[in-house]
Amino acid sequence: MNKKHLFNVVANLLIVGGAFALSACCGNCCKNEGAAPAAATEQAVDSSAIVLEAISNRTSIRAYQETPVEDWKVEKILRAGMAAPSAMNRQPWSFTVVNDKAILKQIADSAPNAGMAAGAPLAIVVCGDMDKAPEGDVKEFWVQDASAATENILLAAHALGLGAVWTGAYPNVAKAKMLAGILNIPENQTVLCVIPMGYPAESPAPKDKWNEGNVHYNVWK
């Protein structure tokens, strides 16, 4: 199996939330029911390596080419976001795709940490849907759920050759409401973040964030 073939597999893995859906392949490996177990094992190892490499090599991209992002890529990215886990499977998220340059400029001018949106071909605004959020003490789980969707979006964008950056809004209530006002987002939605994205116009080196001191087993000593 060549690298292009494996790349297609990984892109589909992201969309279905990590399920190893070999039916998304384009080659004959899926049709060959008599393939040796060793070959399947090797394929799984290679696929895992590519997924882990994508996670390690993803970086925040803040400069973009003018090239528009294809609609089919946007849909794949959104499908990846919606494949995220959520508390009680409430899926308390919504997504606003912004590709109007005037609105992107307004977002950039109003939210300094999202200033790069002015030069992006699009941005995805991730919201928490309070009508779908759990009730009571666990209501704030929507933040974790929408954050999981956001990370899936970042990884899917990277896998599809795009660059993106997570720019936060919530828990800055004033900023979240300001962004909601720009986009006419209803009151039952809380803006978690804005994700400007596009084809990268920069290539920062990925950071090695491994720190053994952050790891503990069973109990802290």
N, C-alpha and C. Protein backbone atom coordinates (compact mmCIF):
# COMPACT_ATOMS: atom_id res chain seq x y z
N MET A 1 0.85 -1.19 0.00
CA MET A 1 0.00 0.00 0.00
C MET A 1 0.88 1.24 0.00
N ASN A 2 0.65 2.19 -0.92
CA ASN A 2 1.50 3.36 -0.98
C ASN A 2 1.04 4.42 0.00
N LYS A 3 1.86 5.49 0.12
CA LYS A 3 1.56 6.51 1.13
C LYS A 3 0.27 7.26 0.82
N LYS A 4 -0.01 7.50 -0.46
CA LYS A 4 -1.23 8.20 -0.83
C LYS A 4 -2.46 7.42 -0.39
N HIS A 5 -2.37 6.10 -0.60
CA HIS A 5 -3.46 5.22 -0.19
C HIS A 5 -3.66 5.31 1.32
N LEU A 6 -2.57 5.24 2.09
CA LEU A 6 -2.67 5.30 3.54
C LEU A 6 -3.20 6.64 4.00
N PHE A 7 -2.82 7.73 3.30
CA PHE A 7 -3.31 9.06 3.65
C PHE A 7 -4.83 9.10 3.55
N ASN A 8 -5.37 8.50 2.48
CA ASN A 8 -6.83 8.47 2.31
C ASN A 8 -7.49 7.70 3.44
N VAL A 9 -6.85 6.61 3.87
CA VAL A 9 -7.38 5.83 4.98
C VAL A 9 -7.46 6.68 6.24
N VAL A 10 -6.35 7.40 6.53
CA VAL A 10 -6.29 8.20 7.76
C VAL A 10 -7.33 9.30 7.75
N ALA A 11 -7.50 9.95 6.59
CA ALA A 11 -8.51 11.02 6.50
C ALA A 11 -9.88 10.49 6.86
N ASN A 12 -10.19 9.30 6.41
CA ASN A 12 -11.48 8.71 6.71
C ASN A 12 -11.57 8.26 8.16
N LEU A 13 -10.42 7.83 8.73
CA LEU A 13 -10.41 7.46 10.14
C LEU A 13 -10.81 8.64 10.99
N LEU A 14 -10.30 9.82 10.67
CA LEU A 14 -10.64 11.02 11.42
C LEU A 14 -12.14 11.31 11.34
N ILE A 15 -12.70 11.11 10.15
CA ILE A 15 -14.10 11.45 9.93
C ILE A 15 -15.01 10.56 10.76
N VAL A 16 -14.69 9.31 10.86
CA VAL A 16 -15.58 8.40 11.60
C VAL A 16 -15.12 8.23 13.04
N GLY A 17 -14.25 9.13 13.50
CA GLY A 17 -13.88 9.12 14.91
C GLY A 17 -12.92 8.03 15.28
N GLY A 18 -12.06 7.66 14.36
CA GLY A 18 -11.00 6.71 14.68
C GLY A 18 -11.33 5.27 14.37
N ALA A 19 -12.50 4.98 13.83
CA ALA A 19 -12.82 3.60 13.46
C ALA A 19 -12.00 3.21 12.25
N PHE A 20 -11.40 2.04 12.28
CA PHE A 20 -10.55 1.62 11.18
C PHE A 20 -11.41 1.11 10.03
N ALA A 21 -11.93 2.08 9.24
CA ALA A 21 -12.88 1.76 8.18
C ALA A 21 -12.14 1.52 6.88
N LEU A 22 -11.71 0.32 6.68
CA LEU A 22 -10.95 0.01 5.47
C LEU A 22 -11.81 0.08 4.22
N SER A 23 -13.13 0.16 4.40
CA SER A 23 -14.00 0.31 3.22
C SER A 23 -13.76 1.61 2.51
N ALA A 24 -13.07 2.56 3.16
CA ALA A 24 -12.76 3.85 2.52
C ALA A 24 -11.56 3.74 1.60
N CYS A 25 -10.88 2.61 1.54
CA CYS A 25 -9.69 2.46 0.71
C CYS A 25 -10.05 2.51 -0.76
N CYS A 26 -9.02 2.77 -1.56
CA CYS A 26 -9.27 2.84 -3.00
C CYS A 26 -8.61 1.67 -3.74
N GLY A 27 -7.92 0.81 -3.02
CA GLY A 27 -7.19 -0.27 -3.68
C GLY A 27 -7.87 -1.61 -3.56
N ASN A 28 -7.14 -2.65 -3.89
CA ASN A 28 -7.72 -4.00 -3.88
C ASN A 28 -7.58 -4.69 -2.53
N CYS A 29 -6.88 -4.01 -1.57
CA CYS A 29 -6.64 -4.69 -0.30
C CYS A 29 -7.95 -5.04 0.40
N CYS A 30 -8.98 -4.17 0.22
CA CYS A 30 -10.25 -4.42 0.89
C CYS A 30 -11.00 -5.59 0.25
N LYS A 31 -10.70 -5.86 -1.01
CA LYS A 31 -11.42 -6.89 -1.73
C LYS A 31 -10.78 -8.26 -1.59
N ASN A 32 -9.53 -8.26 -1.19
CA ASN A 32 -8.79 -9.51 -1.12
C ASN A 32 -9.02 -10.17 0.23
N GLU A 33 -10.08 -10.98 0.31
CA GLU A 33 -10.43 -11.59 1.59
C GLU A 33 -9.41 -12.62 2.02
N GLY A 34 -8.58 -13.07 1.09
CA GLY A 34 -7.60 -14.08 1.45
C GLY A 34 -6.26 -13.51 1.86
N ALA A 35 -6.20 -12.21 2.10
CA ALA A 35 -4.93 -11.58 2.47
C ALA A 35 -4.41 -12.19 3.76
N ALA A 36 -3.11 -12.30 3.86
CA ALA A 36 -2.49 -12.90 5.03
C ALA A 36 -2.65 -12.01 6.24
N PRO A 37 -2.85 -12.57 7.44
CA PRO A 37 -2.97 -11.77 8.66
C PRO A 37 -1.77 -10.86 8.87
N ALA A 38 -0.59 -11.32 8.49
CA ALA A 38 0.61 -10.51 8.68
C ALA A 38 0.52 -9.21 7.90
N ALA A 39 -0.04 -9.29 6.69
CA ALA A 39 -0.19 -8.08 5.86
C ALA A 39 -1.15 -7.11 6.52
N ALA A 40 -2.25 -7.64 7.08
CA ALA A 40 -3.21 -6.77 7.75
C ALA A 40 -2.59 -6.11 8.97
N THR A 41 -1.78 -6.87 9.69
CA THR A 41 -1.11 -6.32 10.87
C THR A 41 -0.16 -5.21 10.48
N GLU A 42 0.61 -5.44 9.41
CA GLU A 42 1.55 -4.43 8.93
C GLU A 42 0.81 -3.16 8.53
N GLN A 43 -0.33 -3.33 7.85
CA GLN A 43 -1.13 -2.18 7.43
C GLN A 43 -1.61 -1.40 8.64
N ALA A 44 -2.09 -2.10 9.67
CA ALA A 44 -2.58 -1.43 10.87
C ALA A 44 -1.47 -0.66 11.55
N VAL A 45 -0.27 -1.25 11.61
CA VAL A 45 0.87 -0.58 12.22
C VAL A 45 1.21 0.68 11.44
N ASP A 46 1.25 0.58 10.12
CA ASP A 46 1.56 1.74 9.29
C ASP A 46 0.51 2.83 9.47
N SER A 47 -0.75 2.47 9.49
CA SER A 47 -1.82 3.45 9.67
C SER A 47 -1.70 4.14 11.02
N SER A 48 -1.42 3.37 12.07
CA SER A 48 -1.27 3.95 13.39
C SER A 48 -0.11 4.95 13.42
N ALA A 49 0.98 4.59 12.75
CA ALA A 49 2.14 5.47 12.71
C ALA A 49 1.80 6.80 12.05
N ILE A 50 0.99 6.75 11.00
CA ILE A 50 0.62 7.98 10.29
C ILE A 50 -0.28 8.84 11.16
N VAL A 51 -1.23 8.22 11.86
CA VAL A 51 -2.11 8.98 12.75
C VAL A 51 -1.29 9.66 13.84
N LEU A 52 -0.39 8.91 14.47
CA LEU A 52 0.42 9.47 15.55
C LEU A 52 1.35 10.56 15.02
N GLU A 53 1.86 10.39 13.81
CA GLU A 53 2.71 11.41 13.22
C GLU A 53 1.92 12.69 12.97
N ALA A 54 0.68 12.55 12.51
CA ALA A 54 -0.16 13.72 12.28
C ALA A 54 -0.41 14.48 13.58
N ILE A 55 -0.65 13.75 14.66
CA ILE A 55 -0.86 14.39 15.95
C ILE A 55 0.40 15.13 16.40
N SER A 56 1.55 14.50 16.22
CA SER A 56 2.81 15.10 16.67
C SER A 56 3.23 16.28 15.81
N ASN A 57 2.91 16.23 14.52
CA ASN A 57 3.40 17.25 13.59
C ASN A 57 2.43 18.41 13.38
N ARG A 58 1.22 18.30 13.89
CA ARG A 58 0.28 19.42 13.74
C ARG A 58 0.80 20.63 14.50
N THR A 59 0.76 21.78 13.86
CA THR A 59 1.16 23.02 14.51
C THR A 59 0.08 24.08 14.28
N SER A 60 0.12 25.12 15.06
CA SER A 60 -0.80 26.24 14.86
C SER A 60 -0.30 27.08 13.69
N ILE A 61 -1.16 27.26 12.70
CA ILE A 61 -0.82 28.02 11.50
C ILE A 61 -1.63 29.31 11.50
N ARG A 62 -0.91 30.43 11.38
CA ARG A 62 -1.56 31.75 11.48
C ARG A 62 -1.44 32.57 10.20
N ALA A 63 -0.80 32.03 9.18
CA ALA A 63 -0.68 32.73 7.89
C ALA A 63 -1.14 31.78 6.79
N TYR A 64 -1.93 32.30 5.85
CA TYR A 64 -2.58 31.44 4.87
C TYR A 64 -2.44 31.98 3.45
N GLN A 65 -2.46 31.05 2.51
CA GLN A 65 -2.53 31.42 1.11
C GLN A 65 -3.94 31.90 0.78
N GLU A 66 -4.08 32.58 -0.35
CA GLU A 66 -5.40 33.07 -0.75
C GLU A 66 -6.26 31.96 -1.34
N THR A 67 -5.68 30.81 -1.61
CA THR A 67 -6.43 29.71 -2.23
C THR A 67 -7.65 29.33 -1.38
N PRO A 68 -8.84 29.29 -1.97
CA PRO A 68 -10.03 28.90 -1.20
C PRO A 68 -9.93 27.43 -0.77
N VAL A 69 -10.59 27.11 0.30
CA VAL A 69 -10.67 25.73 0.77
C VAL A 69 -11.88 25.08 0.11
N GLU A 70 -11.65 23.92 -0.49
CA GLU A 70 -12.71 23.23 -1.22
C GLU A 70 -13.85 22.83 -0.29
N ASP A 71 -15.07 22.88 -0.82
CA ASP A 71 -16.25 22.55 -0.03
C ASP A 71 -16.18 21.12 0.51
N TRP A 72 -15.64 20.19 -0.29
CA TRP A 72 -15.62 18.80 0.16
C TRP A 72 -14.67 18.63 1.34
N LYS A 73 -13.62 19.46 1.39
CA LYS A 73 -12.72 19.39 2.54
C LYS A 73 -13.39 19.97 3.77
N VAL A 74 -14.13 21.04 3.59
CA VAL A 74 -14.86 21.63 4.72
C VAL A 74 -15.83 20.61 5.31
N GLU A 75 -16.54 19.88 4.44
CA GLU A 75 -17.48 18.89 4.95
C GLU A 75 -16.76 17.77 5.71
N LYS A 76 -15.65 17.30 5.17
CA LYS A 76 -14.89 16.26 5.87
C LYS A 76 -14.43 16.74 7.25
N ILE A 77 -13.99 18.00 7.31
CA ILE A 77 -13.53 18.57 8.57
C ILE A 77 -14.68 18.66 9.57
N LEU A 78 -15.84 19.08 9.11
CA LEU A 78 -17.00 19.17 9.99
C LEU A 78 -17.46 17.78 10.44
N ARG A 79 -17.39 16.82 9.55
CA ARG A 79 -17.73 15.45 9.94
C ARG A 79 -16.78 14.94 11.02
N ALA A 80 -15.51 15.31 10.89
CA ALA A 80 -14.54 14.93 11.92
C ALA A 80 -14.90 15.56 13.25
N GLY A 81 -15.29 16.83 13.21
CA GLY A 81 -15.69 17.49 14.45
C GLY A 81 -16.87 16.80 15.11
N MET A 82 -17.84 16.42 14.30
CA MET A 82 -19.04 15.79 14.84
C MET A 82 -18.82 14.34 15.26
N ALA A 83 -17.66 13.79 14.93
CA ALA A 83 -17.34 12.43 15.36
C ALA A 83 -16.72 12.40 16.75
N ALA A 84 -16.56 13.55 17.38
CA ALA A 84 -15.94 13.63 18.70
C ALA A 84 -16.83 12.98 19.76
N PRO A 85 -16.23 12.53 20.86
CA PRO A 85 -17.04 12.01 21.97
C PRO A 85 -17.73 13.15 22.70
N SER A 86 -18.83 12.84 23.37
CA SER A 86 -19.52 13.86 24.17
C SER A 86 -20.23 13.18 25.33
N ALA A 87 -20.38 13.93 26.41
CA ALA A 87 -21.02 13.39 27.62
C ALA A 87 -22.45 12.97 27.30
N MET A 88 -22.76 11.74 27.64
CA MET A 88 -24.09 11.18 27.42
C MET A 88 -24.53 11.26 25.96
N ASN A 89 -23.55 11.39 25.07
CA ASN A 89 -23.80 11.50 23.63
C ASN A 89 -24.77 12.63 23.31
N ARG A 90 -24.67 13.73 24.05
CA ARG A 90 -25.56 14.87 23.81
C ARG A 90 -25.17 15.63 22.54
N GLN A 91 -23.88 15.55 22.16
CA GLN A 91 -23.39 16.25 20.98
C GLN A 91 -23.80 17.73 21.01
N PRO A 92 -23.45 18.44 22.09
CA PRO A 92 -23.94 19.81 22.28
C PRO A 92 -23.09 20.84 21.56
N TRP A 93 -23.02 20.72 20.26
CA TRP A 93 -22.18 21.63 19.50
C TRP A 93 -22.90 22.12 18.26
N SER A 94 -22.44 23.23 17.75
CA SER A 94 -22.87 23.71 16.44
C SER A 94 -21.67 24.42 15.81
N PHE A 95 -21.69 24.53 14.49
CA PHE A 95 -20.54 25.07 13.77
C PHE A 95 -21.02 26.10 12.75
N THR A 96 -20.36 27.23 12.74
CA THR A 96 -20.65 28.26 11.73
C THR A 96 -19.42 28.42 10.86
N VAL A 97 -19.59 28.15 9.56
CA VAL A 97 -18.49 28.29 8.60
C VAL A 97 -18.55 29.71 8.03
N VAL A 98 -17.47 30.45 8.20
CA VAL A 98 -17.42 31.83 7.73
C VAL A 98 -16.40 31.92 6.60
N ASN A 99 -16.86 32.28 5.40
CA ASN A 99 -15.94 32.48 4.28
C ASN A 99 -16.16 33.83 3.59
N ASP A 100 -16.96 34.68 4.20
CA ASP A 100 -17.17 36.04 3.72
C ASP A 100 -16.02 36.90 4.24
N LYS A 101 -15.25 37.50 3.34
CA LYS A 101 -14.04 38.23 3.73
C LYS A 101 -14.38 39.41 4.64
N ALA A 102 -15.52 40.06 4.40
CA ALA A 102 -15.89 41.20 5.23
C ALA A 102 -16.18 40.76 6.67
N ILE A 103 -16.84 39.61 6.82
CA ILE A 103 -17.13 39.11 8.16
C ILE A 103 -15.86 38.63 8.84
N LEU A 104 -14.99 37.97 8.10
CA LEU A 104 -13.70 37.54 8.66
C LEU A 104 -12.91 38.75 9.16
N LYS A 105 -12.94 39.84 8.39
CA LYS A 105 -12.25 41.06 8.81
C LYS A 105 -12.88 41.63 10.07
N GLN A 106 -14.20 41.56 10.17
CA GLN A 106 -14.89 42.06 11.35
C GLN A 106 -14.52 41.24 12.58
N ILE A 107 -14.44 39.92 12.40
CA ILE A 107 -14.01 39.06 13.51
C ILE A 107 -12.60 39.42 13.94
N ALA A 108 -11.71 39.60 12.98
CA ALA A 108 -10.32 39.93 13.28
C ALA A 108 -10.21 41.27 14.01
N ASP A 109 -10.98 42.24 13.59
CA ASP A 109 -10.92 43.56 14.20
C ASP A 109 -11.51 43.56 15.60
N SER A 110 -12.48 42.70 15.86
CA SER A 110 -13.18 42.68 17.14
C SER A 110 -12.51 41.78 18.17
N ALA A 111 -11.79 40.77 17.70
CA ALA A 111 -11.14 39.81 18.60
C ALA A 111 -9.65 39.74 18.25
N PRO A 112 -8.80 40.51 18.93
CA PRO A 112 -7.38 40.57 18.58
C PRO A 112 -6.68 39.21 18.51
N ASN A 113 -7.09 38.25 19.37
CA ASN A 113 -6.44 36.95 19.34
C ASN A 113 -6.81 36.15 18.10
N ALA A 114 -7.84 36.63 17.37
CA ALA A 114 -8.23 36.00 16.11
C ALA A 114 -7.92 36.92 14.93
N GLY A 115 -6.91 37.76 15.11
CA GLY A 115 -6.56 38.72 14.07
C GLY A 115 -6.19 38.09 12.75
N MET A 116 -5.65 36.85 12.80
CA MET A 116 -5.26 36.17 11.56
C MET A 116 -6.45 35.78 10.70
N ALA A 117 -7.67 35.89 11.25
CA ALA A 117 -8.87 35.57 10.47
C ALA A 117 -9.00 36.48 9.26
N ALA A 118 -8.47 37.70 9.35
CA ALA A 118 -8.57 38.65 8.24
C ALA A 118 -7.86 38.13 7.00
N GLY A 119 -6.82 37.31 7.18
CA GLY A 119 -6.08 36.78 6.05
C GLY A 119 -6.40 35.34 5.73
N ALA A 120 -7.42 34.80 6.38
CA ALA A 120 -7.80 33.40 6.16
C ALA A 120 -8.94 33.31 5.15
N PRO A 121 -8.96 32.27 4.33
CA PRO A 121 -10.08 32.09 3.41
C PRO A 121 -11.36 31.66 4.12
N LEU A 122 -11.21 31.08 5.31
CA LEU A 122 -12.41 30.74 6.07
C LEU A 122 -12.06 30.54 7.53
N ALA A 123 -13.11 30.51 8.34
CA ALA A 123 -12.96 30.19 9.76
C ALA A 123 -14.17 29.35 10.16
N ILE A 124 -13.96 28.47 11.12
CA ILE A 124 -15.07 27.70 11.69
C ILE A 124 -15.25 28.15 13.13
N VAL A 125 -16.45 28.61 13.44
CA VAL A 125 -16.77 29.05 14.79
C VAL A 125 -17.49 27.90 15.49
N VAL A 126 -16.90 27.44 16.58
CA VAL A 126 -17.45 26.31 17.33
C VAL A 126 -18.26 26.85 18.51
N CYS A 127 -19.49 26.41 18.61
CA CYS A 127 -20.38 26.84 19.69
C CYS A 127 -20.86 25.67 20.52
N GLY A 128 -21.23 25.97 21.74
CA GLY A 128 -21.93 25.01 22.57
C GLY A 128 -23.42 25.29 22.50
N ASP A 129 -24.19 24.26 22.21
CA ASP A 129 -25.64 24.38 22.11
C ASP A 129 -26.24 24.10 23.49
N MET A 130 -26.69 25.16 24.17
CA MET A 130 -27.18 25.01 25.54
C MET A 130 -28.47 24.20 25.61
N ASP A 131 -29.18 24.11 24.51
CA ASP A 131 -30.39 23.28 24.49
C ASP A 131 -30.06 21.79 24.51
N LYS A 132 -28.83 21.46 24.10
CA LYS A 132 -28.41 20.07 24.07
C LYS A 132 -27.47 19.72 25.23
N ALA A 133 -27.00 20.74 25.93
CA ALA A 133 -26.06 20.49 27.03
C ALA A 133 -26.75 19.76 28.16
N PRO A 134 -26.01 18.95 28.92
CA PRO A 134 -26.61 18.26 30.07
C PRO A 134 -27.15 19.27 31.08
N GLU A 135 -28.04 18.83 31.91
CA GLU A 135 -28.64 19.71 32.90
C GLU A 135 -27.96 19.54 34.25
N GLY A 136 -28.13 20.54 35.10
CA GLY A 136 -27.61 20.46 36.45
C GLY A 136 -26.11 20.68 36.55
N ASP A 137 -25.49 19.96 37.50
CA ASP A 137 -24.07 20.14 37.79
C ASP A 137 -23.17 19.80 36.61
N VAL A 138 -23.65 19.01 35.67
CA VAL A 138 -22.81 18.56 34.57
C VAL A 138 -23.01 19.40 33.30
N LYS A 139 -23.72 20.50 33.42
CA LYS A 139 -24.00 21.31 32.23
C LYS A 139 -22.72 21.77 31.54
N GLU A 140 -21.71 22.13 32.36
CA GLU A 140 -20.47 22.65 31.79
C GLU A 140 -19.66 21.60 31.03
N PHE A 141 -20.12 20.36 31.02
CA PHE A 141 -19.45 19.35 30.20
C PHE A 141 -19.46 19.74 28.72
N TRP A 142 -20.36 20.65 28.33
CA TRP A 142 -20.39 21.08 26.94
C TRP A 142 -19.04 21.64 26.50
N VAL A 143 -18.32 22.25 27.46
CA VAL A 143 -17.02 22.83 27.12
C VAL A 143 -16.06 21.72 26.70
N GLN A 144 -16.04 20.62 27.44
CA GLN A 144 -15.18 19.49 27.08
C GLN A 144 -15.60 18.90 25.74
N ASP A 145 -16.91 18.77 25.55
CA ASP A 145 -17.42 18.16 24.32
C ASP A 145 -17.07 19.00 23.10
N ALA A 146 -17.31 20.30 23.18
CA ALA A 146 -17.00 21.19 22.06
C ALA A 146 -15.49 21.30 21.84
N SER A 147 -14.72 21.17 22.91
CA SER A 147 -13.26 21.19 22.78
C SER A 147 -12.76 19.93 22.07
N ALA A 148 -13.38 18.79 22.37
CA ALA A 148 -13.02 17.56 21.67
C ALA A 148 -13.32 17.69 20.18
N ALA A 149 -14.46 18.30 19.86
CA ALA A 149 -14.80 18.53 18.45
C ALA A 149 -13.79 19.46 17.80
N THR A 150 -13.35 20.48 18.54
CA THR A 150 -12.37 21.43 18.02
C THR A 150 -11.05 20.74 17.70
N GLU A 151 -10.59 19.87 18.59
CA GLU A 151 -9.33 19.16 18.33
C GLU A 151 -9.47 18.26 17.11
N ASN A 152 -10.61 17.60 16.95
CA ASN A 152 -10.83 16.78 15.75
C ASN A 152 -10.75 17.63 14.49
N ILE A 153 -11.32 18.83 14.56
CA ILE A 153 -11.28 19.74 13.42
C ILE A 153 -9.84 20.12 13.08
N LEU A 154 -9.05 20.43 14.08
CA LEU A 154 -7.65 20.80 13.86
C LEU A 154 -6.88 19.66 13.21
N LEU A 155 -7.08 18.44 13.70
CA LEU A 155 -6.37 17.28 13.16
C LEU A 155 -6.83 16.97 11.74
N ALA A 156 -8.13 17.07 11.50
CA ALA A 156 -8.65 16.81 10.15
C ALA A 156 -8.11 17.82 9.16
N ALA A 157 -8.06 19.09 9.56
CA ALA A 157 -7.52 20.13 8.69
C ALA A 157 -6.06 19.83 8.34
N HIS A 158 -5.29 19.44 9.34
CA HIS A 158 -3.89 19.09 9.11
C HIS A 158 -3.77 17.90 8.16
N ALA A 159 -4.60 16.88 8.37
CA ALA A 159 -4.54 15.68 7.54
C ALA A 159 -4.89 15.99 6.08
N LEU A 160 -5.68 17.04 5.87
CA LEU A 160 -6.10 17.40 4.52
C LEU A 160 -5.21 18.47 3.90
N GLY A 161 -4.06 18.72 4.52
CA GLY A 161 -3.10 19.66 3.95
C GLY A 161 -3.36 21.11 4.27
N LEU A 162 -4.24 21.37 5.24
CA LEU A 162 -4.57 22.74 5.62
C LEU A 162 -3.87 23.10 6.93
N GLY A 163 -3.86 24.37 7.22
CA GLY A 163 -3.35 24.85 8.50
C GLY A 163 -4.46 25.57 9.24
N ALA A 164 -4.44 25.50 10.56
CA ALA A 164 -5.50 26.12 11.36
C ALA A 164 -4.94 26.49 12.73
N VAL A 165 -5.69 27.33 13.43
CA VAL A 165 -5.28 27.72 14.79
C VAL A 165 -6.53 27.90 15.64
N TRP A 166 -6.44 27.46 16.89
CA TRP A 166 -7.53 27.57 17.85
C TRP A 166 -7.41 28.91 18.55
N THR A 167 -8.43 29.78 18.39
CA THR A 167 -8.44 31.06 19.10
C THR A 167 -9.66 31.08 20.01
N GLY A 168 -9.43 31.22 21.30
CA GLY A 168 -10.49 31.05 22.28
C GLY A 168 -11.41 32.24 22.42
N ALA A 169 -12.64 31.95 22.85
CA ALA A 169 -13.61 32.99 23.21
C ALA A 169 -14.09 32.70 24.64
N TYR A 170 -14.96 31.70 24.81
CA TYR A 170 -15.41 31.29 26.14
C TYR A 170 -14.22 30.76 26.93
N PRO A 171 -14.08 31.08 28.23
CA PRO A 171 -15.07 31.66 29.13
C PRO A 171 -15.08 33.19 29.22
N ASN A 172 -14.46 33.88 28.27
CA ASN A 172 -14.60 35.33 28.21
C ASN A 172 -16.00 35.63 27.66
N VAL A 173 -16.94 35.83 28.55
CA VAL A 173 -18.35 35.95 28.15
C VAL A 173 -18.56 37.13 27.22
N ALA A 174 -17.89 38.24 27.50
CA ALA A 174 -18.06 39.43 26.66
C ALA A 174 -17.60 39.15 25.23
N LYS A 175 -16.46 38.48 25.09
CA LYS A 175 -15.94 38.17 23.76
C LYS A 175 -16.87 37.18 23.05
N ALA A 176 -17.34 36.16 23.77
CA ALA A 176 -18.24 35.17 23.17
C ALA A 176 -19.52 35.85 22.66
N LYS A 177 -20.07 36.78 23.45
CA LYS A 177 -21.29 37.46 23.03
C LYS A 177 -21.02 38.40 21.86
N MET A 178 -19.86 39.05 21.86
CA MET A 178 -19.52 39.94 20.76
C MET A 178 -19.43 39.17 19.45
N LEU A 179 -18.78 38.02 19.46
CA LEU A 179 -18.67 37.19 18.26
C LEU A 179 -20.05 36.68 17.83
N ALA A 180 -20.85 36.30 18.80
CA ALA A 180 -22.21 35.83 18.49
C ALA A 180 -23.01 36.94 17.81
N GLY A 181 -22.79 38.18 18.26
CA GLY A 181 -23.50 39.30 17.66
C GLY A 181 -23.10 39.53 16.21
N ILE A 182 -21.80 39.39 15.92
CA ILE A 182 -21.31 39.56 14.55
C ILE A 182 -21.96 38.55 13.61
N LEU A 183 -22.12 37.33 14.10
CA LEU A 183 -22.60 36.23 13.26
C LEU A 183 -24.09 35.96 13.42
N ASN A 184 -24.76 36.78 14.22
CA ASN A 184 -26.20 36.59 14.44
C ASN A 184 -26.50 35.21 15.01
N ILE A 185 -25.63 34.75 15.89
CA ILE A 185 -25.80 33.43 16.52
C ILE A 185 -26.84 33.56 17.64
N PRO A 186 -27.81 32.66 17.70
CA PRO A 186 -28.88 32.78 18.71
C PRO A 186 -28.36 32.65 20.14
N GLU A 187 -29.17 33.11 21.09
CA GLU A 187 -28.75 33.17 22.49
C GLU A 187 -28.53 31.81 23.12
N ASN A 188 -29.13 30.77 22.57
CA ASN A 188 -28.93 29.45 23.16
C ASN A 188 -27.59 28.83 22.77
N GLN A 189 -26.80 29.55 21.97
CA GLN A 189 -25.49 29.07 21.54
C GLN A 189 -24.41 29.92 22.22
N THR A 190 -23.37 29.26 22.74
CA THR A 190 -22.25 29.96 23.36
C THR A 190 -21.00 29.72 22.52
N VAL A 191 -20.37 30.79 22.08
CA VAL A 191 -19.18 30.65 21.23
C VAL A 191 -18.00 30.18 22.07
N LEU A 192 -17.48 29.01 21.74
CA LEU A 192 -16.29 28.50 22.43
C LEU A 192 -15.02 29.05 21.81
N CYS A 193 -14.93 29.01 20.47
CA CYS A 193 -13.68 29.41 19.81
C CYS A 193 -13.92 29.70 18.34
N VAL A 194 -12.93 30.34 17.75
CA VAL A 194 -12.90 30.59 16.32
C VAL A 194 -11.65 29.90 15.77
N ILE A 195 -11.81 29.15 14.68
CA ILE A 195 -10.69 28.43 14.08
C ILE A 195 -10.43 28.95 12.67
N PRO A 196 -9.58 29.97 12.51
CA PRO A 196 -9.18 30.38 11.17
C PRO A 196 -8.40 29.26 10.50
N MET A 197 -8.59 29.07 9.20
CA MET A 197 -7.86 28.01 8.51
C MET A 197 -7.73 28.30 7.03
N GLY A 198 -6.77 27.62 6.41
CA GLY A 198 -6.53 27.74 4.98
C GLY A 198 -5.28 26.99 4.62
N TYR A 199 -4.88 27.10 3.37
CA TYR A 199 -3.62 26.47 2.97
C TYR A 199 -2.47 27.27 3.57
N PRO A 200 -1.53 26.61 4.24
CA PRO A 200 -0.50 27.33 4.99
C PRO A 200 0.39 28.21 4.12
N ALA A 201 0.70 29.38 4.66
CA ALA A 201 1.70 30.26 4.06
C ALA A 201 2.92 30.36 4.97
N GLU A 202 3.02 29.43 5.91
CA GLU A 202 4.16 29.34 6.81
C GLU A 202 4.31 27.88 7.22
N SER A 203 5.47 27.53 7.70
CA SER A 203 5.71 26.13 8.10
C SER A 203 6.53 26.09 9.39
N PRO A 204 5.92 26.48 10.51
CA PRO A 204 6.65 26.41 11.78
C PRO A 204 6.95 24.97 12.17
N ALA A 205 8.08 24.79 12.82
CA ALA A 205 8.47 23.45 13.24
C ALA A 205 7.58 23.00 14.40
N PRO A 206 7.15 21.75 14.39
CA PRO A 206 6.34 21.26 15.51
C PRO A 206 7.16 21.23 16.80
N LYS A 207 6.49 21.41 17.91
CA LYS A 207 7.15 21.42 19.22
C LYS A 207 7.06 20.04 19.85
N ASP A 208 8.15 19.61 20.46
CA ASP A 208 8.13 18.36 21.23
C ASP A 208 7.67 18.72 22.65
N LYS A 209 6.44 18.40 22.96
CA LYS A 209 5.87 18.79 24.25
C LYS A 209 5.91 17.69 25.30
N TRP A 210 6.59 16.59 24.99
CA TRP A 210 6.68 15.50 25.96
C TRP A 210 7.41 15.97 27.21
N ASN A 211 6.82 15.73 28.36
CA ASN A 211 7.42 16.09 29.64
C ASN A 211 7.07 14.99 30.63
N GLU A 212 8.06 14.17 30.94
CA GLU A 212 7.83 13.03 31.82
C GLU A 212 7.36 13.48 33.20
N GLY A 213 7.73 14.70 33.59
CA GLY A 213 7.32 15.21 34.89
C GLY A 213 5.82 15.43 35.02
N ASN A 214 5.12 15.47 33.89
CA ASN A 214 3.67 15.64 33.91
C ASN A 214 2.92 14.32 34.05
N VAL A 215 3.65 13.22 34.14
CA VAL A 215 3.04 11.89 34.16
C VAL A 215 3.15 11.28 35.55
N HIS A 216 2.05 10.72 36.03
CA HIS A 216 2.03 10.04 37.32
C HIS A 216 1.29 8.74 37.17
N TYR A 217 1.68 7.75 37.93
CA TYR A 217 1.07 6.43 37.87
C TYR A 217 0.43 6.10 39.21
N ASN A 218 -0.86 5.80 39.15
CA ASN A 218 -1.64 5.38 40.31
C ASN A 218 -1.81 6.51 41.33
N VAL A 219 -0.75 6.87 42.05
CA VAL A 219 -0.84 7.97 43.02
C VAL A 219 0.38 8.86 42.87
N TRP A 220 0.22 10.12 43.22
CA TRP A 220 1.35 11.05 43.21
C TRP A 220 2.27 10.73 44.36
N LYS A 221 3.54 10.84 44.10
CA LYS A 221 4.54 10.57 45.16
C LYS A 221 5.38 11.80 45.42
